[in-house]
C-alpha cells in the first residue's frame, strides 16, 4: 500500500493561455479505466476485500482510516491518495464520513504523483 499527495503543495502552477491554477498530477494510463465517486456516511465502511484490478482512491473531503493486507489502519484525509495493486486486500472506514474518487484499471501507474509514504 502506497500513499500519495494530490493537494496544492504537490502541484505545479499552470499559466499557459493566461491561466492561473495549480495542477496535481494523478496518473497516466493507456488502458480503460473505471472512475467512481464513493460517499461514506459517518460510521461507513468499505469491507475488507481484494482489489480486482489496480486501484487508487483520492480522498476529496472528510477523513477516515485505510488498511492493506497487514490490516494495520492508517489515518487518511482530504488531499491523500491511496494506491492498492491488483489482488491486494484492503478496507476503508470513516467515523465522521468521507467522499473519495476511485480510479480502477489495469496497470495504473501513479508514479507522477508525489509519494507521501510507503
Protein backbone atom coordinates (compact mmCIF):
# COMPACT_ATOMS: atom_id res chain seq x y z
CA UNK A 1 0.00 0.00 0.00
CA UNK A 2 1.44 3.37 -1.04
CA UNK A 3 0.20 6.86 -0.11
CA UNK A 4 0.43 9.85 -2.47
CA UNK A 5 -0.42 13.55 -2.32
CA UNK A 6 -2.65 15.48 -4.69
CA UNK A 7 -3.10 18.67 -2.66
CA UNK A 8 -1.89 22.09 -3.89
CA UNK A 9 1.60 21.59 -2.42
CA UNK A 10 2.09 18.56 -4.68
CA UNK A 11 1.09 20.51 -7.80
CA UNK A 12 2.68 22.98 -10.12
CA UNK A 13 1.49 26.32 -11.38
CA UNK A 14 -0.19 26.49 -14.79
CA UNK A 15 -0.08 29.89 -16.52
CA UNK A 16 -0.37 28.93 -20.20
CA UNK A 17 -3.30 30.59 -22.02
CA UNK A 18 -3.45 33.22 -19.25
CA UNK A 19 -4.36 30.51 -16.75
CA UNK A 20 -3.75 30.80 -13.03
CA UNK A 21 -4.23 27.49 -11.22
CA UNK A 22 -2.37 24.59 -9.63
CA UNK A 23 -2.34 21.13 -11.25
CA UNK A 24 -1.60 18.00 -9.22
CA UNK A 25 -0.91 15.02 -11.45
CA UNK A 26 -2.72 11.84 -10.55
CA UNK A 27 -1.88 9.14 -13.06
CA UNK A 28 -1.39 8.28 -16.68
CA UNK A 29 -2.64 5.12 -18.40
CA UNK A 30 -3.17 3.65 -21.84
CA UNK A 31 -5.80 1.14 -20.66
CA UNK A 32 -9.55 1.56 -19.98
CA UNK A 33 -10.47 2.97 -16.56
CA UNK A 34 -13.44 2.91 -14.21
CA UNK A 35 -13.82 6.13 -12.23
CA UNK A 36 -16.37 6.49 -9.46
CA UNK A 37 -17.30 8.69 -6.52
CA UNK A 38 -17.64 6.98 -3.14
CA UNK A 39 -19.60 8.56 -0.32
CA UNK A 40 -19.15 7.08 3.15
CA UNK A 41 -21.52 8.43 5.77
CA UNK A 42 -20.45 8.65 9.43
CA UNK A 43 -19.60 5.12 10.53
CA UNK A 44 -19.40 3.99 6.90
CA UNK A 45 -17.17 1.18 5.73
CA UNK A 46 -15.92 -0.47 2.55
CA UNK A 47 -15.34 -4.02 3.76
CA UNK A 48 -12.09 -5.95 3.60
CA UNK A 49 -11.72 -7.30 0.04
CA UNK A 50 -9.21 -7.92 -2.74
CA UNK A 51 -8.71 -5.32 -5.45
CA UNK A 52 -9.93 -6.82 -8.74
CA UNK A 53 -7.53 -4.52 -10.64
CA UNK A 54 -5.11 -1.75 -9.61
CA UNK A 55 -7.00 0.89 -7.64
CA UNK A 56 -6.28 4.43 -6.48
CA UNK A 57 -8.56 6.25 -4.03
CA UNK A 58 -8.35 10.05 -3.76
CA UNK A 59 -9.82 11.45 -0.55
CA UNK A 60 -11.68 14.61 -1.59
CA UNK A 61 -13.37 15.54 1.68
CA UNK A 62 -13.59 14.19 5.20
CA UNK A 63 -11.25 11.68 6.77
CA UNK A 64 -11.02 8.03 7.68
CA UNK A 65 -8.76 5.04 8.01
CA UNK A 66 -7.48 2.53 5.45
CA UNK A 67 -5.62 -0.73 5.78
CA UNK A 68 -3.86 -3.07 3.41
CA UNK A 69 -3.05 -6.75 3.61
CA UNK A 70 -1.34 -6.25 7.00
CA UNK A 71 -4.66 -4.97 8.49
CA UNK A 72 -2.83 -2.01 10.10
CA UNK A 73 -5.06 1.07 9.80
CA UNK A 74 -3.64 4.44 8.67
CA UNK A 75 -5.37 7.80 9.02
CA UNK A 76 -6.22 9.50 5.69
CA UNK A 77 -7.76 12.88 4.98
CA UNK A 78 -8.62 15.23 2.14
CA UNK A 79 -5.68 15.51 -0.25
CA UNK A 80 -4.39 11.98 0.32
CA UNK A 81 -4.39 9.27 -2.35
CA UNK A 82 -4.01 5.57 -1.61
CA UNK A 83 -2.84 3.02 -4.19
CA UNK A 84 -3.61 -0.69 -3.98
CA UNK A 85 -2.26 -3.18 -6.50
CA UNK A 86 -4.40 -5.87 -8.12
CA UNK A 87 -5.20 -8.69 -5.64
CA UNK A 88 -4.13 -6.58 -2.62
CA UNK A 89 -6.53 -6.92 0.32
CA UNK A 90 -7.79 -3.62 1.77
CA UNK A 91 -10.51 -1.87 3.75
CA UNK A 92 -11.71 1.72 4.26
CA UNK A 93 -13.72 3.12 7.16
CA UNK A 94 -14.75 6.54 8.41
CA UNK A 95 -16.00 7.64 11.78
CA UNK A 96 -17.23 11.03 10.54
CA UNK A 97 -17.71 10.38 6.81
CA UNK A 98 -15.68 10.97 3.67
CA UNK A 99 -16.02 11.41 -0.07
CA UNK A 100 -13.47 9.85 -2.42
CA UNK A 101 -12.86 9.43 -6.13
CA UNK A 102 -11.84 5.87 -7.00
CA UNK A 103 -9.98 5.02 -10.21
CA UNK A 104 -9.69 1.35 -11.15
CA UNK A 105 -7.92 -0.18 -14.12
CA UNK A 106 -5.19 -2.47 -15.31
CA UNK A 107 -1.61 -1.29 -14.99
CA UNK A 108 -2.30 2.03 -13.22
CA UNK A 109 0.90 3.98 -12.71
CA UNK A 110 0.73 6.68 -10.01
CA UNK A 111 4.46 7.42 -10.31
CA UNK A 112 3.72 11.01 -11.47
CA UNK A 113 2.18 11.76 -8.08
CA UNK A 114 4.15 12.98 -5.06
CA UNK A 115 4.84 10.00 -2.78
CA UNK A 116 3.75 10.72 0.79
CA UNK A 117 4.80 7.45 2.41
CA UNK A 118 5.16 3.78 1.70
